[in-house]
Amino acid sequence: MQYIYAISVVTENTLRVLQRLAGIFARYRLNIEQMNVFETGNRGTSYFNIIVHSNAKTADRVIKQLEKIFELKEVKIVSQIPLSS
């Protein structure tokens, strides 16, 4: 079953971190439906809010791959809503 996932990611604000994040989603053939990025109150830290359509198995794999990014401080699934056909 497909779901709409909202994934929040907190990273260090470094070069190519966005490219590494997007590369993981591309590897699993997931289209990023929406992405909001902003610098947090802690200078040098960025917050990503990413919306994707996926099944549970693929979403779990993506989260595990995201956790391997060196600059990543926190990643979690904020919401999981069933995608109606």
PDB file of N, CA and C in Angstrom:
ATOM      1  N   MET A   1       0.840  -1.183   0.000  1.00  0.00           N
ATOM      2  CA  MET A   1       0.000   0.000   0.000  1.00  0.00           C
ATOM      3  C   MET A   1       0.881   1.241   0.000  1.00  0.00           C
ATOM      4  N   GLN A   2       0.486   2.207  -0.782  1.00  0.00           N
ATOM      5  CA  GLN A   2       1.234   3.459  -0.896  1.00  0.00           C
ATOM      6  C   GLN A   2       0.778   4.458   0.170  1.00  0.00           C
ATOM      7  N   TYR A   3       1.733   5.226   0.662  1.00  0.00           N
ATOM      8  CA  TYR A   3       1.481   6.250   1.668  1.00  0.00           C
ATOM      9  C   TYR A   3       2.125   7.554   1.234  1.00  0.00           C
ATOM     10  N   ILE A   4       1.644   8.637   1.804  1.00  0.00           N
ATOM     11  CA  ILE A   4       2.303   9.932   1.684  1.00  0.00           C
ATOM     12  C   ILE A   4       3.112  10.103   2.970  1.00  0.00           C
ATOM     13  N   TYR A   5       4.413  10.231   2.835  1.00  0.00           N
ATOM     14  CA  TYR A   5       5.293  10.383   3.993  1.00  0.00           C
ATOM     15  C   TYR A   5       5.805  11.808   4.083  1.00  0.00           C
ATOM     16  N   ALA A   6       5.804  12.332   5.294  1.00  0.00           N
ATOM     17  CA  ALA A   6       6.472  13.592   5.591  1.00  0.00           C
ATOM     18  C   ALA A   6       7.690  13.221   6.434  1.00  0.00           C
ATOM     19  N   ILE A   7       8.868  13.518   5.915  1.00  0.00           N
ATOM     20  CA  ILE A   7      10.123  13.155   6.577  1.00  0.00           C
ATOM     21  C   ILE A   7      10.849  14.432   6.954  1.00  0.00           C
ATOM     22  N   SER A   8      11.246  14.530   8.217  1.00  0.00           N
ATOM     23  CA  SER A   8      12.021  15.696   8.644  1.00  0.00           C
ATOM     24  C   SER A   8      13.472  15.274   8.831  1.00  0.00           C
ATOM     25  N   VAL A   9      14.366  16.131   8.348  1.00  0.00           N
ATOM     26  CA  VAL A   9      15.801  15.857   8.398  1.00  0.00           C
ATOM     27  C   VAL A   9      16.496  17.113   8.898  1.00  0.00           C
ATOM     28  N   VAL A  10      17.372  16.954   9.879  1.00  0.00           N
ATOM     29  CA  VAL A  10      18.187  18.059  10.384  1.00  0.00           C
ATOM     30  C   VAL A  10      19.636  17.721  10.065  1.00  0.00           C
ATOM     31  N   THR A  11      20.314  18.636   9.367  1.00  0.00           N
ATOM     32  CA  THR A  11      21.692  18.397   8.960  1.00  0.00           C
ATOM     33  C   THR A  11      22.568  19.596   9.264  1.00  0.00           C
ATOM     34  N   GLU A  12      23.873  19.364   9.195  1.00  0.00           N
ATOM     35  CA  GLU A  12      24.805  20.475   9.190  1.00  0.00           C
ATOM     36  C   GLU A  12      24.664  21.143   7.834  1.00  0.00           C
ATOM     37  N   ASN A  13      24.818  22.444   7.790  1.00  0.00           N
ATOM     38  CA  ASN A  13      24.669  23.188   6.545  1.00  0.00           C
ATOM     39  C   ASN A  13      26.016  23.200   5.822  1.00  0.00           C
ATOM     40  N   THR A  14      26.264  22.150   5.025  1.00  0.00           N
ATOM     41  CA  THR A  14      27.540  22.028   4.306  1.00  0.00           C
ATOM     42  C   THR A  14      27.273  21.868   2.817  1.00  0.00           C
ATOM     43  N   LEU A  15      28.331  21.992   2.035  1.00  0.00           N
ATOM     44  CA  LEU A  15      28.224  21.815   0.599  1.00  0.00           C
ATOM     45  C   LEU A  15      27.816  20.389   0.259  1.00  0.00           C
ATOM     46  N   ARG A  16      26.965  20.249  -0.729  1.00  0.00           N
ATOM     47  CA  ARG A  16      26.546  18.981  -1.312  1.00  0.00           C
ATOM     48  C   ARG A  16      25.660  18.117  -0.422  1.00  0.00           C
ATOM     49  N   VAL A  17      25.239  18.598   0.729  1.00  0.00           N
ATOM     50  CA  VAL A  17      24.355  17.780   1.570  1.00  0.00           C
ATOM     51  C   VAL A  17      23.007  17.580   0.878  1.00  0.00           C
ATOM     52  N   LEU A  18      22.506  18.597   0.196  1.00  0.00           N
ATOM     53  CA  LEU A  18      21.253  18.461  -0.550  1.00  0.00           C
ATOM     54  C   LEU A  18      21.408  17.433  -1.668  1.00  0.00           C
ATOM     55  N   GLN A  19      22.539  17.437  -2.339  1.00  0.00           N
ATOM     56  CA  GLN A  19      22.790  16.472  -3.406  1.00  0.00           C
ATOM     57  C   GLN A  19      22.810  15.047  -2.858  1.00  0.00           C
ATOM     58  N   ARG A  20      23.406  14.847  -1.692  1.00  0.00           N
ATOM     59  CA  ARG A  20      23.443  13.508  -1.094  1.00  0.00           C
ATOM     60  C   ARG A  20      22.043  13.040  -0.692  1.00  0.00           C
ATOM     61  N   LEU A  21      21.261  13.947  -0.119  1.00  0.00           N
ATOM     62  CA  LEU A  21      19.881  13.597   0.253  1.00  0.00           C
ATOM     63  C   LEU A  21      19.067  13.221  -0.986  1.00  0.00           C
ATOM     64  N   ALA A  22      19.112  14.053  -2.003  1.00  0.00           N
ATOM     65  CA  ALA A  22      18.338  13.806  -3.214  1.00  0.00           C
ATOM     66  C   ALA A  22      18.805  12.529  -3.910  1.00  0.00           C
ATOM     67  N   GLY A  23      20.092  12.243  -3.842  1.00  0.00           N
ATOM     68  CA  GLY A  23      20.634  11.036  -4.461  1.00  0.00           C
ATOM     69  C   GLY A  23      20.067   9.765  -3.861  1.00  0.00           C
ATOM     70  N   ILE A  24      19.838   9.770  -2.564  1.00  0.00           N
ATOM     71  CA  ILE A  24      19.262   8.593  -1.904  1.00  0.00           C
ATOM     72  C   ILE A  24      17.834   8.360  -2.388  1.00  0.00           C
ATOM     73  N   PHE A  25      17.050   9.420  -2.496  1.00  0.00           N
ATOM     74  CA  PHE A  25      15.681   9.276  -2.990  1.00  0.00           C
ATOM     75  C   PHE A  25      15.679   8.806  -4.443  1.00  0.00           C
ATOM     76  N   ALA A  26      16.607   9.318  -5.243  1.00  0.00           N
ATOM     77  CA  ALA A  26      16.703   8.899  -6.650  1.00  0.00           C
ATOM     78  C   ALA A  26      17.089   7.428  -6.760  1.00  0.00           C
ATOM     79  N   ARG A  27      17.972   6.969  -5.896  1.00  0.00           N
ATOM     80  CA  ARG A  27      18.408   5.577  -5.914  1.00  0.00           C
ATOM     81  C   ARG A  27      17.228   4.626  -5.709  1.00  0.00           C
ATOM     82  N   TYR A  28      16.272   5.035  -4.908  1.00  0.00           N
ATOM     83  CA  TYR A  28      15.091   4.214  -4.643  1.00  0.00           C
ATOM     84  C   TYR A  28      13.912   4.589  -5.541  1.00  0.00           C
ATOM     85  N   ARG A  29      14.187   5.397  -6.560  1.00  0.00           N
ATOM     86  CA  ARG A  29      13.181   5.816  -7.539  1.00  0.00           C
ATOM     87  C   ARG A  29      11.967   6.488  -6.896  1.00  0.00           C
ATOM     88  N   LEU A  30      12.235   7.316  -5.899  1.00  0.00           N
ATOM     89  CA  LEU A  30      11.173   8.078  -5.245  1.00  0.00           C
ATOM     90  C   LEU A  30      11.237   9.518  -5.723  1.00  0.00           C
ATOM     91  N   ASN A  31      10.104  10.029  -6.130  1.00  0.00           N
ATOM     92  CA  ASN A  31      10.010  11.421  -6.532  1.00  0.00           C
ATOM     93  C   ASN A  31       9.743  12.267  -5.298  1.00  0.00           C
ATOM     94  N   ILE A  32      10.529  13.295  -5.098  1.00  0.00           N
ATOM     95  CA  ILE A  32      10.287  14.219  -3.993  1.00  0.00           C
ATOM     96  C   ILE A  32       9.161  15.143  -4.444  1.00  0.00           C
ATOM     97  N   GLU A  33       8.006  14.985  -3.810  1.00  0.00           N
ATOM     98  CA  GLU A  33       6.827  15.766  -4.191  1.00  0.00           C
ATOM     99  C   GLU A  33       6.928  17.210  -3.719  1.00  0.00           C
ATOM    100  N   GLN A  34       7.520  17.391  -2.541  1.00  0.00           N
ATOM    101  CA  GLN A  34       7.672  18.733  -1.985  1.00  0.00           C
ATOM    102  C   GLN A  34       8.856  18.730  -1.046  1.00  0.00           C
ATOM    103  N   MET A  35       9.612  19.841  -1.031  1.00  0.00           N
ATOM    104  CA  MET A  35      10.731  19.966  -0.105  1.00  0.00           C
ATOM    105  C   MET A  35      10.833  21.421   0.350  1.00  0.00           C
ATOM    106  N   ASN A  36      10.902  21.593   1.658  1.00  0.00           N
ATOM    107  CA  ASN A  36      11.135  22.906   2.244  1.00  0.00           C
ATOM    108  C   ASN A  36      12.439  22.827   3.017  1.00  0.00           C
ATOM    109  N   VAL A  37      13.292  23.812   2.828  1.00  0.00           N
ATOM    110  CA  VAL A  37      14.583  23.827   3.514  1.00  0.00           C
ATOM    111  C   VAL A  37      14.788  25.216   4.100  1.00  0.00           C
ATOM    112  N   PHE A  38      15.230  25.245   5.342  1.00  0.00           N
ATOM    113  CA  PHE A  38      15.574  26.534   5.938  1.00  0.00           C
ATOM    114  C   PHE A  38      16.631  26.337   7.008  1.00  0.00           C
ATOM    115  N   GLU A  39      17.369  27.405   7.258  1.00  0.00           N
ATOM    116  CA  GLU A  39      18.379  27.370   8.310  1.00  0.00           C
ATOM    117  C   GLU A  39      17.685  27.569   9.644  1.00  0.00           C
ATOM    118  N   THR A  40      18.066  26.780  10.636  1.00  0.00           N
ATOM    119  CA  THR A  40      17.442  26.870  11.956  1.00  0.00           C
ATOM    120  C   THR A  40      18.051  28.012  12.749  1.00  0.00           C
ATOM    121  N   GLY A  41      17.581  28.186  13.975  1.00  0.00           N
ATOM    122  CA  GLY A  41      18.139  29.204  14.860  1.00  0.00           C
ATOM    123  C   GLY A  41      19.600  28.934  15.195  1.00  0.00           C
ATOM    124  N   ASN A  42      19.987  27.662  15.161  1.00  0.00           N
ATOM    125  CA  ASN A  42      21.390  27.301  15.348  1.00  0.00           C
ATOM    126  C   ASN A  42      22.105  27.502  14.024  1.00  0.00           C
ATOM    127  N   ARG A  43      22.893  28.528  13.952  1.00  0.00           N
ATOM    128  CA  ARG A  43      23.593  28.834  12.706  1.00  0.00           C
ATOM    129  C   ARG A  43      24.424  27.633  12.250  1.00  0.00           C
ATOM    130  N   GLY A  44      24.336  27.302  10.964  1.00  0.00           N
ATOM    131  CA  GLY A  44      25.078  26.174  10.433  1.00  0.00           C
ATOM    132  C   GLY A  44      24.289  24.874  10.441  1.00  0.00           C
ATOM    133  N   THR A  45      23.019  24.939  10.841  1.00  0.00           N
ATOM    134  CA  THR A  45      22.155  23.756  10.857  1.00  0.00           C
ATOM    135  C   THR A  45      20.947  24.017   9.964  1.00  0.00           C
ATOM    136  N   SER A  46      20.645  23.065   9.093  1.00  0.00           N
ATOM    137  CA  SER A  46      19.501  23.192   8.180  1.00  0.00           C
ATOM    138  C   SER A  46      18.431  22.159   8.508  1.00  0.00           C
ATOM    139  N   TYR A  47      17.184  22.543   8.282  1.00  0.00           N
ATOM    140  CA  TYR A  47      16.031  21.673   8.499  1.00  0.00           C
ATOM    141  C   TYR A  47      15.372  21.419   7.147  1.00  0.00           C
ATOM    142  N   PHE A  48      15.193  20.156   6.797  1.00  0.00           N
ATOM    143  CA  PHE A  48      14.529  19.754   5.562  1.00  0.00           C
ATOM    144  C   PHE A  48      13.197  19.108   5.919  1.00  0.00           C
ATOM    145  N   ASN A  49      12.141  19.499   5.242  1.00  0.00           N
ATOM    146  CA  ASN A  49      10.846  18.842   5.344  1.00  0.00           C
ATOM    147  C   ASN A  49      10.562  18.277   3.961  1.00  0.00           C
ATOM    148  N   ILE A  50      10.533  16.943   3.840  1.00  0.00           N
ATOM    149  CA  ILE A  50      10.444  16.273   2.539  1.00  0.00           C
ATOM    150  C   ILE A  50       9.162  15.445   2.477  1.00  0.00           C
ATOM    151  N   ILE A  51       8.407  15.589   1.391  1.00  0.00           N
ATOM    152  CA  ILE A  51       7.178  14.829   1.169  1.00  0.00           C
ATOM    153  C   ILE A  51       7.407  13.879  -0.004  1.00  0.00           C
ATOM    154  N   VAL A  52       7.135  12.577   0.217  1.00  0.00           N
ATOM    155  CA  VAL A  52       7.265  11.568  -0.839  1.00  0.00           C
ATOM    156  C   VAL A  52       6.095  10.601  -0.780  1.00  0.00           C
ATOM    157  N   HIS A  53       5.834   9.936  -1.905  1.00  0.00           N
ATOM    158  CA  HIS A  53       4.854   8.846  -1.974  1.00  0.00           C
ATOM    159  C   HIS A  53       5.660   7.556  -2.025  1.00  0.00           C
ATOM    160  N   SER A  54       5.367   6.618  -1.114  1.00  0.00           N
ATOM    161  CA  SER A  54       6.144   5.385  -1.055  1.00  0.00           C
ATOM    162  C   SER A  54       5.380   4.311  -0.297  1.00  0.00           C
ATOM    163  N   ASN A  55       5.905   3.083  -0.357  1.00  0.00           N
ATOM    164  CA  ASN A  55       5.378   2.031   0.507  1.00  0.00           C
ATOM    165  C   ASN A  55       6.243   1.980   1.767  1.00  0.00           C
ATOM    166  N   ALA A  56       5.799   1.252   2.764  1.00  0.00           N
ATOM    167  CA  ALA A  56       6.483   1.239   4.066  1.00  0.00           C
ATOM    168  C   ALA A  56       7.886   0.653   3.976  1.00  0.00           C
ATOM    169  N   LYS A  57       8.051  -0.392   3.203  1.00  0.00           N
ATOM    170  CA  LYS A  57       9.352  -1.050   3.087  1.00  0.00           C
ATOM    171  C   LYS A  57      10.405  -0.109   2.486  1.00  0.00           C
ATOM    172  N   THR A  58      10.050   0.567   1.416  1.00  0.00           N
ATOM    173  CA  THR A  58      10.975   1.493   0.765  1.00  0.00           C
ATOM    174  C   THR A  58      11.273   2.686   1.668  1.00  0.00           C
ATOM    175  N   ALA A  59      10.261   3.201   2.352  1.00  0.00           N
ATOM    176  CA  ALA A  59      10.468   4.336   3.253  1.00  0.00           C
ATOM    177  C   ALA A  59      11.445   3.977   4.361  1.00  0.00           C
ATOM    178  N   ASP A  60      11.335   2.787   4.926  1.00  0.00           N
ATOM    179  CA  ASP A  60      12.267   2.352   5.968  1.00  0.00           C
ATOM    180  C   ASP A  60      13.693   2.250   5.433  1.00  0.00           C
ATOM    181  N   ARG A  61      13.835   1.741   4.214  1.00  0.00           N
ATOM    182  CA  ARG A  61      15.162   1.641   3.610  1.00  0.00           C
ATOM    183  C   ARG A  61      15.780   3.021   3.384  1.00  0.00           C
ATOM    184  N   VAL A  62      14.959   3.954   2.927  1.00  0.00           N
ATOM    185  CA  VAL A  62      15.447   5.313   2.692  1.00  0.00           C
ATOM    186  C   VAL A  62      15.907   5.945   4.004  1.00  0.00           C
ATOM    187  N   ILE A  63      15.132   5.779   5.067  1.00  0.00           N
ATOM    188  CA  ILE A  63      15.505   6.331   6.376  1.00  0.00           C
ATOM    189  C   ILE A  63      16.846   5.757   6.826  1.00  0.00           C
ATOM    190  N   LYS A  64      17.049   4.457   6.663  1.00  0.00           N
ATOM    191  CA  LYS A  64      18.319   3.829   7.060  1.00  0.00           C
ATOM    192  C   LYS A  64      19.481   4.376   6.250  1.00  0.00           C
ATOM    193  N   GLN A  65      19.263   4.640   4.971  1.00  0.00           N
ATOM    194  CA  GLN A  65      20.324   5.206   4.146  1.00  0.00           C
ATOM    195  C   GLN A  65      20.604   6.664   4.527  1.00  0.00           C
ATOM    196  N   LEU A  66      19.546   7.417   4.828  1.00  0.00           N
ATOM    197  CA  LEU A  66      19.734   8.806   5.239  1.00  0.00           C
ATOM    198  C   LEU A  66      20.546   8.891   6.534  1.00  0.00           C
ATOM    199  N   GLU A  67      20.328   7.944   7.434  1.00  0.00           N
ATOM    200  CA  GLU A  67      21.049   7.949   8.709  1.00  0.00           C
ATOM    201  C   GLU A  67      22.549   7.772   8.535  1.00  0.00           C
ATOM    202  N   LYS A  68      22.983   7.288   7.392  1.00  0.00           N
ATOM    203  CA  LYS A  68      24.409   7.076   7.130  1.00  0.00           C
ATOM    204  C   LYS A  68      25.129   8.339   6.669  1.00  0.00           C
ATOM    205  N   ILE A  69      24.385   9.390   6.351  1.00  0.00           N
ATOM    206  CA  ILE A  69      25.012  10.638   5.911  1.00  0.00           C
ATOM    207  C   ILE A  69      25.718  11.275   7.105  1.00  0.00           C
ATOM    208  N   PHE A  70      26.977  11.587   6.911  1.00  0.00           N
ATOM    209  CA  PHE A  70      27.825  12.081   7.992  1.00  0.00           C
ATOM    210  C   PHE A  70      27.281  13.364   8.628  1.00  0.00           C
ATOM    211  N   GLU A  71      26.802  14.288   7.811  1.00  0.00           N
ATOM    212  CA  GLU A  71      26.338  15.593   8.316  1.00  0.00           C
ATOM    213  C   GLU A  71      24.967  15.539   8.973  1.00  0.00           C
ATOM    214  N   LEU A  72      24.290  14.406   8.856  1.00  0.00           N
ATOM    215  CA  LEU A  72      22.932  14.303   9.365  1.00  0.00           C
ATOM    216  C   LEU A  72      22.915  14.257  10.892  1.00  0.00           C
ATOM    217  N   LYS A  73      22.052  15.064  11.493  1.00  0.00           N
ATOM    218  CA  LYS A  73      21.921  15.085  12.951  1.00  0.00           C
ATOM    219  C   LYS A  73      20.672  14.335  13.412  1.00  0.00           C
ATOM    220  N   GLU A  74      19.600  14.423  12.631  1.00  0.00           N
ATOM    221  CA  GLU A  74      18.336  13.788  13.026  1.00  0.00           C
ATOM    222  C   GLU A  74      17.489  13.534  11.786  1.00  0.00           C
ATOM    223  N   VAL A  75      16.826  12.381  11.760  1.00  0.00           N
ATOM    224  CA  VAL A  75      15.871  12.070  10.694  1.00  0.00           C
ATOM    225  C   VAL A  75      14.714  11.294  11.305  1.00  0.00           C
ATOM    226  N   LYS A  76      13.493  11.648  10.908  1.00  0.00           N
ATOM    227  CA  LYS A  76      12.332  10.909  11.410  1.00  0.00           C
ATOM    228  C   LYS A  76      11.158  11.106  10.461  1.00  0.00           C
ATOM    229  N   ILE A  77      10.268  10.116  10.488  1.00  0.00           N
ATOM    230  CA  ILE A  77       9.031  10.210   9.727  1.00  0.00           C
ATOM    231  C   ILE A  77       8.027  10.952  10.606  1.00  0.00           C
ATOM    232  N   VAL A  78       7.577  12.094  10.128  1.00  0.00           N
ATOM    233  CA  VAL A  78       6.661  12.938  10.893  1.00  0.00           C
ATOM    234  C   VAL A  78       5.228  12.451  10.739  1.00  0.00           C
ATOM    235  N   SER A  79       4.860  12.066   9.510  1.00  0.00           N
ATOM    236  CA  SER A  79       3.503  11.543   9.301  1.00  0.00           C
ATOM    237  C   SER A  79       3.493  10.538   8.157  1.00  0.00           C
ATOM    238  N   GLN A  80       2.494   9.680   8.209  1.00  0.00           N
ATOM    239  CA  GLN A  80       2.294   8.625   7.211  1.00  0.00           C
ATOM    240  C   GLN A  80       0.791   8.553   6.954  1.00  0.00           C
ATOM    241  N   ILE A  81       0.391   9.007   5.765  1.00  0.00           N
ATOM    242  CA  ILE A  81      -1.030   9.080   5.423  1.00  0.00           C
ATOM    243  C   ILE A  81      -1.288   8.150   4.245  1.00  0.00           C
ATOM    244  N   PRO A  82      -2.291   7.258   4.322  1.00  0.00           N
ATOM    245  CA  PRO A  82      -2.602   6.379   3.183  1.00  0.00           C
ATOM    246  C   PRO A  82      -2.927   7.194   1.933  1.00  0.00           C
ATOM    247  N   LEU A  83      -2.378   6.763   0.820  1.00  0.00           N
ATOM    248  CA  LEU A  83      -2.618   7.428  -0.456  1.00  0.00           C
ATOM    249  C   LEU A  83      -3.830   6.786  -1.108  1.00  0.00           C
ATOM    250  N   SER A  84      -4.900   7.554  -1.254  1.00  0.00           N
ATOM    251  CA  SER A  84      -6.109   7.013  -1.862  1.00  0.00           C
ATOM    252  C   SER A  84      -5.945   6.961  -3.371  1.00  0.00           C
ATOM    253  N   SER A  85      -6.423   5.900  -3.976  1.00  0.00           N
ATOM    254  CA  SER A  85      -6.263   5.694  -5.421  1.00  0.00           C
ATOM    255  C   SER A  85      -7.317   6.406  -6.208  1.00  0.00           C
TER     256      SER A  85
END
